[in-house]
Amino acid sequence: MPESSALSSLKVKIYADGADLDGIRRLAALPYIAGFTTNPTLMRKSGIDDYERFARELLAIVTDRPVSLEVFADEPAEMVRQGKKIAGWGRNVNVKIPVTDTAGKLTAGVIRELSASGATVNVTAMMTSRQVAQVLGCIAPGAAAFVSLFAGRVADTGVDPEPVMREAMGLLAGRPEVKLIWASPREVLNIFQADRVGCDIITVAHDLLAKLGALGKDLDQFSLETVRMFRDDAVKTGFSI
């Protein structure tokens, strides 16, 4: 991992995205990791089978930075119940709410109720500026909140996410308490794109964070290392033609 000085010029905050507790413990020691996020899919990939136990272990590790934990219900009243319970697990907890239910209906009532109750919501899985505008109208006036726009998935469709993120930033211009997250990055370059756009936060998976060690690396040296890797692997495999 690079020293924090290698990232000191960036204004965007880096949140580590994952569900591996050992990885979270290591990342919590790094000063440039400003927060943590997770979701049910990441938890499943890590073999988590007890949501609350995992969450409380995570919160025992991370006590001084924001942690986003997501509801997993699909019915509004149950989303609200889960959200309030999750919010009660710690002062640094943000409650992730999907932008819609699985039928595609905007979770407006859930966002309104949780935001008005004092929970800091993190509305997730958004991919358009229209969704950001809809969600912004549901967040209680003056309430701290996050909106996660999945720029990486936007890019997966062949669409440049930067204009989408810039438009979202414009929508949030009058609501400084609502922070924009560049979610689902695919490469280290995305961190610098998020910074260029003016995003408040970028969530970065643990395996992508591991690539930060290449920041500022001499490209000729990087090229040589790649050539040597190809040669070493060919020799180890015992290829012949």
C-alpha atoms as a PDB file:
ATOM      1  CA  MET A   1       0.000   0.000   0.000  1.00  0.00           C
ATOM      2  CA  PRO A   2       1.208   3.527  -0.701  1.00  0.00           C
ATOM      3  CA  GLU A   3       1.828   6.033   2.055  1.00  0.00           C
ATOM      4  CA  SER A   4      -1.020   8.452   2.652  1.00  0.00           C
ATOM      5  CA  SER A   5       1.143  11.200   1.126  1.00  0.00           C
ATOM      6  CA  ALA A   6       0.718   9.570  -2.284  1.00  0.00           C
ATOM      7  CA  LEU A   7      -2.998  10.380  -2.069  1.00  0.00           C
ATOM      8  CA  SER A   8      -2.722  13.680  -0.237  1.00  0.00           C
ATOM      9  CA  SER A   9      -3.615  15.805  -3.267  1.00  0.00           C
ATOM     10  CA  LEU A  10      -7.021  14.161  -3.597  1.00  0.00           C
ATOM     11  CA  LYS A  11     -10.128  15.816  -2.181  1.00  0.00           C
ATOM     12  CA  VAL A  12     -12.326  12.765  -2.696  1.00  0.00           C
ATOM     13  CA  LYS A  13     -12.563  10.520   0.359  1.00  0.00           C
ATOM     14  CA  ILE A  14     -11.874   6.806  -0.036  1.00  0.00           C
ATOM     15  CA  TYR A  15     -14.226   4.344   1.653  1.00  0.00           C
ATOM     16  CA  ALA A  16     -13.241   0.668   1.683  1.00  0.00           C
ATOM     17  CA  ASP A  17     -15.978  -1.583   0.314  1.00  0.00           C
ATOM     18  CA  GLY A  18     -16.033  -5.198   1.465  1.00  0.00           C
ATOM     19  CA  ALA A  19     -17.050  -7.771   4.057  1.00  0.00           C
ATOM     20  CA  ASP A  20     -13.777  -9.480   4.949  1.00  0.00           C
ATOM     21  CA  LEU A  21     -13.138  -8.655   8.603  1.00  0.00           C
ATOM     22  CA  ASP A  22      -9.399  -9.346   8.419  1.00  0.00           C
ATOM     23  CA  GLY A  23      -9.169  -7.004   5.441  1.00  0.00           C
ATOM     24  CA  ILE A  24     -11.242  -4.385   7.224  1.00  0.00           C
ATOM     25  CA  ARG A  25      -8.951  -4.635  10.243  1.00  0.00           C
ATOM     26  CA  ARG A  26      -5.877  -4.027   8.062  1.00  0.00           C
ATOM     27  CA  LEU A  27      -7.495  -1.174   6.169  1.00  0.00           C
ATOM     28  CA  ALA A  28      -8.691   0.485   9.378  1.00  0.00           C
ATOM     29  CA  ALA A  29      -5.035   1.116  10.220  1.00  0.00           C
ATOM     30  CA  LEU A  30      -4.543   3.227   7.082  1.00  0.00           C
ATOM     31  CA  PRO A  31      -5.102   6.968   7.518  1.00  0.00           C
ATOM     32  CA  TYR A  32      -6.426   7.558   4.001  1.00  0.00           C
ATOM     33  CA  ILE A  33      -9.339   5.137   4.452  1.00  0.00           C
ATOM     34  CA  ALA A  34     -12.093   7.524   5.553  1.00  0.00           C
ATOM     35  CA  GLY A  35     -14.957   5.070   5.955  1.00  0.00           C
ATOM     36  CA  PHE A  36     -16.316   1.603   5.243  1.00  0.00           C
ATOM     37  CA  THR A  37     -19.235   0.179   3.293  1.00  0.00           C
ATOM     38  CA  THR A  38     -20.613  -3.275   2.647  1.00  0.00           C
ATOM     39  CA  ASN A  39     -23.706  -4.921   1.179  1.00  0.00           C
ATOM     40  CA  PRO A  40     -25.477  -8.315   1.246  1.00  0.00           C
ATOM     41  CA  THR A  41     -23.736  -9.517  -1.925  1.00  0.00           C
ATOM     42  CA  LEU A  42     -20.277  -8.804  -0.511  1.00  0.00           C
ATOM     43  CA  MET A  43     -21.290 -10.445   2.757  1.00  0.00           C
ATOM     44  CA  ARG A  44     -22.459 -13.575   0.943  1.00  0.00           C
ATOM     45  CA  LYS A  45     -19.192 -13.763  -1.001  1.00  0.00           C
ATOM     46  CA  SER A  46     -17.323 -13.617   2.312  1.00  0.00           C
ATOM     47  CA  GLY A  47     -19.390 -16.445   3.756  1.00  0.00           C
ATOM     48  CA  ILE A  48     -21.251 -14.303   6.296  1.00  0.00           C
ATOM     49  CA  ASP A  49     -24.337 -16.091   7.614  1.00  0.00           C
ATOM     50  CA  ASP A  50     -25.151 -14.009  10.708  1.00  0.00           C
ATOM     51  CA  TYR A  51     -25.809 -10.392   9.729  1.00  0.00           C
ATOM     52  CA  GLU A  52     -25.931  -8.800  13.162  1.00  0.00           C
ATOM     53  CA  ARG A  53     -22.907 -10.652  14.512  1.00  0.00           C
ATOM     54  CA  PHE A  54     -20.863  -9.600  11.483  1.00  0.00           C
ATOM     55  CA  ALA A  55     -22.049  -5.998  11.765  1.00  0.00           C
ATOM     56  CA  ARG A  56     -21.213  -5.758  15.443  1.00  0.00           C
ATOM     57  CA  GLU A  57     -17.758  -7.258  14.856  1.00  0.00           C
ATOM     58  CA  LEU A  58     -17.175  -4.725  12.080  1.00  0.00           C
ATOM     59  CA  LEU A  59     -18.308  -1.871  14.316  1.00  0.00           C
ATOM     60  CA  ALA A  60     -15.999  -3.071  17.084  1.00  0.00           C
ATOM     61  CA  ILE A  61     -13.114  -2.689  14.623  1.00  0.00           C
ATOM     62  CA  VAL A  62     -14.222   0.628  13.109  1.00  0.00           C
ATOM     63  CA  THR A  63     -15.282   3.038  15.835  1.00  0.00           C
ATOM     64  CA  ASP A  64     -14.060   6.366  14.490  1.00  0.00           C
ATOM     65  CA  ARG A  65     -15.249   6.440  10.862  1.00  0.00           C
ATOM     66  CA  PRO A  66     -18.570   6.038   9.046  1.00  0.00           C
ATOM     67  CA  VAL A  67     -19.807   2.513   8.334  1.00  0.00           C
ATOM     68  CA  SER A  68     -22.656   1.851   5.887  1.00  0.00           C
ATOM     69  CA  LEU A  69     -24.795  -1.239   6.516  1.00  0.00           C
ATOM     70  CA  GLU A  70     -27.670  -2.162   4.215  1.00  0.00           C
ATOM     71  CA  VAL A  71     -31.222  -3.292   4.862  1.00  0.00           C
ATOM     72  CA  PHE A  72     -32.157  -6.454   2.990  1.00  0.00           C
ATOM     73  CA  ALA A  73     -35.961  -6.439   3.254  1.00  0.00           C
ATOM     74  CA  ASP A  74     -38.134  -5.723   0.209  1.00  0.00           C
ATOM     75  CA  GLU A  75     -41.306  -4.538   1.943  1.00  0.00           C
ATOM     76  CA  PRO A  76     -41.360  -0.875   3.075  1.00  0.00           C
ATOM     77  CA  ALA A  77     -42.401  -1.363   6.695  1.00  0.00           C
ATOM     78  CA  GLU A  78     -39.780  -4.076   7.180  1.00  0.00           C
ATOM     79  CA  MET A  79     -37.130  -1.896   5.508  1.00  0.00           C
ATOM     80  CA  VAL A  80     -37.938   0.835   8.017  1.00  0.00           C
ATOM     81  CA  ARG A  81     -37.829  -1.596  10.949  1.00  0.00           C
ATOM     82  CA  GLN A  82     -34.471  -3.001   9.848  1.00  0.00           C
ATOM     83  CA  GLY A  83     -33.136   0.488   9.139  1.00  0.00           C
ATOM     84  CA  LYS A  84     -33.988   1.781  12.601  1.00  0.00           C
ATOM     85  CA  LYS A  85     -32.464  -1.295  14.225  1.00  0.00           C
ATOM     86  CA  ILE A  86     -29.269  -0.983  12.188  1.00  0.00           C
ATOM     87  CA  ALA A  87     -29.033   2.742  12.967  1.00  0.00           C
ATOM     88  CA  GLY A  88     -29.131   1.871  16.659  1.00  0.00           C
ATOM     89  CA  TRP A  89     -25.988  -0.233  16.470  1.00  0.00           C
ATOM     90  CA  GLY A  90     -23.664   2.774  16.541  1.00  0.00           C
ATOM     91  CA  ARG A  91     -23.367   6.529  16.169  1.00  0.00           C
ATOM     92  CA  ASN A  92     -21.133   6.031  13.126  1.00  0.00           C
ATOM     93  CA  VAL A  93     -23.632   3.808  11.275  1.00  0.00           C
ATOM     94  CA  ASN A  94     -25.202   4.899   8.001  1.00  0.00           C
ATOM     95  CA  VAL A  95     -28.229   2.927   6.801  1.00  0.00           C
ATOM     96  CA  LYS A  96     -28.103   1.840   3.174  1.00  0.00           C
ATOM     97  CA  ILE A  97     -31.471   1.808   1.424  1.00  0.00           C
ATOM     98  CA  PRO A  98     -31.851   0.539  -2.157  1.00  0.00           C
ATOM     99  CA  VAL A  99     -33.294   3.210  -4.442  1.00  0.00           C
ATOM    100  CA  THR A 100     -36.181   0.910  -5.392  1.00  0.00           C
ATOM    101  CA  ASP A 101     -37.697  -2.342  -4.244  1.00  0.00           C
ATOM    102  CA  THR A 102     -37.296  -5.462  -6.398  1.00  0.00           C
ATOM    103  CA  ALA A 103     -40.392  -4.468  -8.414  1.00  0.00           C
ATOM    104  CA  GLY A 104     -38.783  -1.175  -9.379  1.00  0.00           C
ATOM    105  CA  LYS A 105     -40.870   1.057  -7.096  1.00  0.00           C
ATOM    106  CA  LEU A 106     -39.014   4.017  -5.596  1.00  0.00           C
ATOM    107  CA  THR A 107     -38.427   3.534  -1.858  1.00  0.00           C
ATOM    108  CA  ALA A 108     -39.533   7.110  -1.224  1.00  0.00           C
ATOM    109  CA  GLY A 109     -41.539   6.428   1.922  1.00  0.00           C
ATOM    110  CA  VAL A 110     -38.719   4.426   3.497  1.00  0.00           C
ATOM    111  CA  ILE A 111     -36.177   7.156   2.774  1.00  0.00           C
ATOM    112  CA  ARG A 112     -38.507   9.852   4.135  1.00  0.00           C
ATOM    113  CA  GLU A 113     -39.293   8.001   7.362  1.00  0.00           C
ATOM    114  CA  LEU A 114     -35.736   6.946   8.154  1.00  0.00           C
ATOM    115  CA  SER A 115     -34.294  10.339   7.263  1.00  0.00           C
ATOM    116  CA  ALA A 116     -36.892  12.128   9.383  1.00  0.00           C
ATOM    117  CA  SER A 117     -36.198   9.746  12.288  1.00  0.00           C
ATOM    118  CA  GLY A 118     -32.593  10.938  12.491  1.00  0.00           C
ATOM    119  CA  ALA A 119     -30.933   8.009  10.721  1.00  0.00           C
ATOM    120  CA  THR A 120     -28.225   8.909   8.235  1.00  0.00           C
ATOM    121  CA  VAL A 121     -29.364   7.199   5.059  1.00  0.00           C
ATOM    122  CA  ASN A 122     -27.173   6.047   2.201  1.00  0.00           C
ATOM    123  CA  VAL A 123     -29.424   5.532  -0.800  1.00  0.00           C
ATOM    124  CA  THR A 124     -27.746   2.965  -3.004  1.00  0.00           C
ATOM    125  CA  ALA A 125     -27.826   1.281  -6.430  1.00  0.00           C
ATOM    126  CA  MET A 126     -28.639   4.468  -8.352  1.00  0.00           C
ATOM    127  CA  MET A 127     -27.467   4.827 -11.938  1.00  0.00           C
ATOM    128  CA  THR A 128     -29.119   7.999 -13.254  1.00  0.00           C
ATOM    129  CA  SER A 129     -29.234  11.636 -12.270  1.00  0.00           C
ATOM    130  CA  ARG A 130     -33.040  11.389 -12.440  1.00  0.00           C
ATOM    131  CA  GLN A 131     -32.936   8.906  -9.576  1.00  0.00           C
ATOM    132  CA  VAL A 132     -30.696  11.283  -7.621  1.00  0.00           C
ATOM    133  CA  ALA A 133     -33.239  14.082  -8.101  1.00  0.00           C
ATOM    134  CA  GLN A 134     -36.073  11.827  -6.936  1.00  0.00           C
ATOM    135  CA  VAL A 135     -34.176  10.696  -3.855  1.00  0.00           C
ATOM    136  CA  LEU A 136     -33.088  14.213  -2.963  1.00  0.00           C
ATOM    137  CA  GLY A 137     -36.743  15.179  -2.653  1.00  0.00           C
ATOM    138  CA  CYS A 138     -37.231  12.433  -0.056  1.00  0.00           C
ATOM    139  CA  ILE A 139     -34.345  13.310   2.275  1.00  0.00           C
ATOM    140  CA  ALA A 140     -35.392  15.449   5.215  1.00  0.00           C
ATOM    141  CA  PRO A 141     -34.285  19.104   4.909  1.00  0.00           C
ATOM    142  CA  GLY A 142     -30.921  19.589   6.566  1.00  0.00           C
ATOM    143  CA  ALA A 143     -30.462  15.881   7.239  1.00  0.00           C
ATOM    144  CA  ALA A 144     -27.061  14.342   6.598  1.00  0.00           C
ATOM    145  CA  ALA A 145     -27.258  11.670   3.907  1.00  0.00           C
ATOM    146  CA  PHE A 146     -25.365   9.908   1.136  1.00  0.00           C
ATOM    147  CA  VAL A 147     -26.408   9.052  -2.406  1.00  0.00           C
ATOM    148  CA  SER A 148     -24.502   6.243  -4.120  1.00  0.00           C
ATOM    149  CA  LEU A 149     -24.411   6.427  -7.892  1.00  0.00           C
ATOM    150  CA  PHE A 150     -22.939   3.279  -9.425  1.00  0.00           C
ATOM    151  CA  ALA A 151     -20.602   4.900 -11.917  1.00  0.00           C
ATOM    152  CA  GLY A 152     -18.769   1.635 -12.565  1.00  0.00           C
ATOM    153  CA  ARG A 153     -21.943  -0.105 -13.663  1.00  0.00           C
ATOM    154  CA  VAL A 154     -22.863   2.894 -15.797  1.00  0.00           C
ATOM    155  CA  ALA A 155     -19.490   2.483 -17.510  1.00  0.00           C
ATOM    156  CA  ASP A 156     -20.181  -1.239 -17.955  1.00  0.00           C
ATOM    157  CA  THR A 157     -23.023  -0.260 -20.327  1.00  0.00           C
ATOM    158  CA  GLY A 158     -20.655   1.747 -22.540  1.00  0.00           C
ATOM    159  CA  VAL A 159     -21.759   5.114 -21.133  1.00  0.00           C
ATOM    160  CA  ASP A 160     -19.186   7.606 -19.841  1.00  0.00           C
ATOM    161  CA  PRO A 161     -20.087   8.061 -16.155  1.00  0.00           C
ATOM    162  CA  GLU A 162     -18.362  11.424 -15.700  1.00  0.00           C
ATOM    163  CA  PRO A 163     -21.167  13.546 -17.237  1.00  0.00           C
ATOM    164  CA  VAL A 164     -23.714  11.611 -15.171  1.00  0.00           C
ATOM    165  CA  MET A 165     -21.752  12.270 -12.005  1.00  0.00           C
ATOM    166  CA  ARG A 166     -21.298  15.954 -12.882  1.00  0.00           C
ATOM    167  CA  GLU A 167     -25.035  16.315 -13.353  1.00  0.00           C
ATOM    168  CA  ALA A 168     -25.623  14.662  -9.994  1.00  0.00           C
ATOM    169  CA  MET A 169     -23.144  17.043  -8.374  1.00  0.00           C
ATOM    170  CA  GLY A 170     -25.137  19.926  -9.818  1.00  0.00           C
ATOM    171  CA  LEU A 171     -28.344  18.591  -8.319  1.00  0.00           C
ATOM    172  CA  LEU A 172     -26.686  18.398  -4.894  1.00  0.00           C
ATOM    173  CA  ALA A 173     -25.126  21.854  -5.081  1.00  0.00           C
ATOM    174  CA  GLY A 174     -27.677  23.374  -2.700  1.00  0.00           C
ATOM    175  CA  ARG A 175     -27.562  20.445  -0.265  1.00  0.00           C
ATOM    176  CA  PRO A 176     -24.002  20.287   1.101  1.00  0.00           C
ATOM    177  CA  GLU A 177     -25.114  17.898   3.840  1.00  0.00           C
ATOM    178  CA  VAL A 178     -25.939  15.273   1.176  1.00  0.00           C
ATOM    179  CA  LYS A 179     -22.745  13.627  -0.089  1.00  0.00           C
ATOM    180  CA  LEU A 180     -22.307  12.020  -3.510  1.00  0.00           C
ATOM    181  CA  ILE A 181     -20.605   8.627  -3.696  1.00  0.00           C
ATOM    182  CA  TRP A 182     -18.917   7.282  -6.844  1.00  0.00           C
ATOM    183  CA  ALA A 183     -19.725   3.610  -6.352  1.00  0.00           C
ATOM    184  CA  SER A 184     -18.531   0.386  -8.024  1.00  0.00           C
ATOM    185  CA  PRO A 185     -15.223   1.636  -9.483  1.00  0.00           C
ATOM    186  CA  ARG A 186     -13.459  -0.757 -11.814  1.00  0.00           C
ATOM    187  CA  GLU A 187      -9.909   0.635 -11.841  1.00  0.00           C
ATOM    188  CA  VAL A 188      -7.600   2.945  -9.892  1.00  0.00           C
ATOM    189  CA  LEU A 189      -8.112   5.654 -12.526  1.00  0.00           C
ATOM    190  CA  ASN A 190     -11.715   5.955 -11.318  1.00  0.00           C
ATOM    191  CA  ILE A 191     -10.477   7.423  -8.035  1.00  0.00           C
ATOM    192  CA  PHE A 192      -8.906  10.304  -9.929  1.00  0.00           C
ATOM    193  CA  GLN A 193     -11.960  10.682 -12.148  1.00  0.00           C
ATOM    194  CA  ALA A 194     -14.167  10.914  -9.062  1.00  0.00           C
ATOM    195  CA  ASP A 195     -11.838  13.555  -7.658  1.00  0.00           C
ATOM    196  CA  ARG A 196     -11.884  15.501 -10.920  1.00  0.00           C
ATOM    197  CA  VAL A 197     -15.691  15.502 -10.998  1.00  0.00           C
ATOM    198  CA  GLY A 198     -15.825  16.719  -7.397  1.00  0.00           C
ATOM    199  CA  CYS A 199     -17.431  13.639  -5.823  1.00  0.00           C
ATOM    200  CA  ASP A 200     -17.302  13.632  -2.056  1.00  0.00           C
ATOM    201  CA  ILE A 201     -16.566   9.905  -1.702  1.00  0.00           C
ATOM    202  CA  ILE A 202     -15.567   6.868  -3.735  1.00  0.00           C
ATOM    203  CA  THR A 203     -16.153   3.350  -2.444  1.00  0.00           C
ATOM    204  CA  VAL A 204     -13.296   1.025  -3.400  1.00  0.00           C
ATOM    205  CA  ALA A 205     -13.238  -2.767  -3.114  1.00  0.00           C
ATOM    206  CA  HIS A 206     -10.413  -4.359  -1.139  1.00  0.00           C
ATOM    207  CA  ASP A 207      -8.808  -5.952  -4.209  1.00  0.00           C
ATOM    208  CA  LEU A 208      -8.795  -2.623  -6.030  1.00  0.00           C
ATOM    209  CA  LEU A 209      -7.273  -0.882  -3.017  1.00  0.00           C
ATOM    210  CA  ALA A 210      -4.410  -3.364  -3.259  1.00  0.00           C
ATOM    211  CA  LYS A 211      -3.557  -1.871  -6.649  1.00  0.00           C
ATOM    212  CA  LEU A 212      -2.801   1.523  -5.124  1.00  0.00           C
ATOM    213  CA  GLY A 213       0.761   0.291  -4.705  1.00  0.00           C
ATOM    214  CA  ALA A 214       1.274   1.056  -8.407  1.00  0.00           C
ATOM    215  CA  LEU A 215       0.514   4.765  -7.985  1.00  0.00           C
ATOM    216  CA  GLY A 216       3.310   6.841  -9.513  1.00  0.00           C
ATOM    217  CA  LYS A 217       5.181   3.789 -10.713  1.00  0.00           C
ATOM    218  CA  ASP A 218       7.661   4.242 -13.567  1.00  0.00           C
ATOM    219  CA  LEU A 219       5.935   2.859 -16.668  1.00  0.00           C
ATOM    220  CA  ASP A 220       9.133   1.538 -18.238  1.00  0.00           C
ATOM    221  CA  GLN A 221       9.845  -0.413 -15.061  1.00  0.00           C
ATOM    222  CA  PHE A 222       6.237  -1.610 -14.990  1.00  0.00           C
ATOM    223  CA  SER A 223       6.628  -2.780 -18.599  1.00  0.00           C
ATOM    224  CA  LEU A 224       9.796  -4.684 -17.765  1.00  0.00           C
ATOM    225  CA  GLU A 225       8.158  -6.370 -14.777  1.00  0.00           C
ATOM    226  CA  THR A 226       5.302  -7.463 -17.019  1.00  0.00           C
ATOM    227  CA  VAL A 227       7.683  -8.936 -19.605  1.00  0.00           C
ATOM    228  CA  ARG A 228       9.509 -10.829 -16.853  1.00  0.00           C
ATOM    229  CA  MET A 229       6.214 -12.118 -15.461  1.00  0.00           C
ATOM    230  CA  PHE A 230       5.239 -13.564 -18.845  1.00  0.00           C
ATOM    231  CA  ARG A 231       8.663 -15.189 -19.220  1.00  0.00           C
ATOM    232  CA  ASP A 232       8.686 -16.605 -15.665  1.00  0.00           C
ATOM    233  CA  ASP A 233       5.228 -18.099 -16.039  1.00  0.00           C
ATOM    234  CA  ALA A 234       6.130 -19.697 -19.358  1.00  0.00           C
ATOM    235  CA  VAL A 235       9.248 -21.258 -17.821  1.00  0.00           C
ATOM    236  CA  LYS A 236       7.352 -22.471 -14.722  1.00  0.00           C
ATOM    237  CA  THR A 237       4.708 -24.054 -16.921  1.00  0.00           C
ATOM    238  CA  GLY A 238       7.296 -25.825 -19.037  1.00  0.00           C
ATOM    239  CA  PHE A 239       5.888 -24.694 -22.357  1.00  0.00           C
ATOM    240  CA  SER A 240       7.482 -25.924 -25.564  1.00  0.00           C
ATOM    241  CA  ILE A 241       6.560 -25.540 -29.230  1.00  0.00           C
END
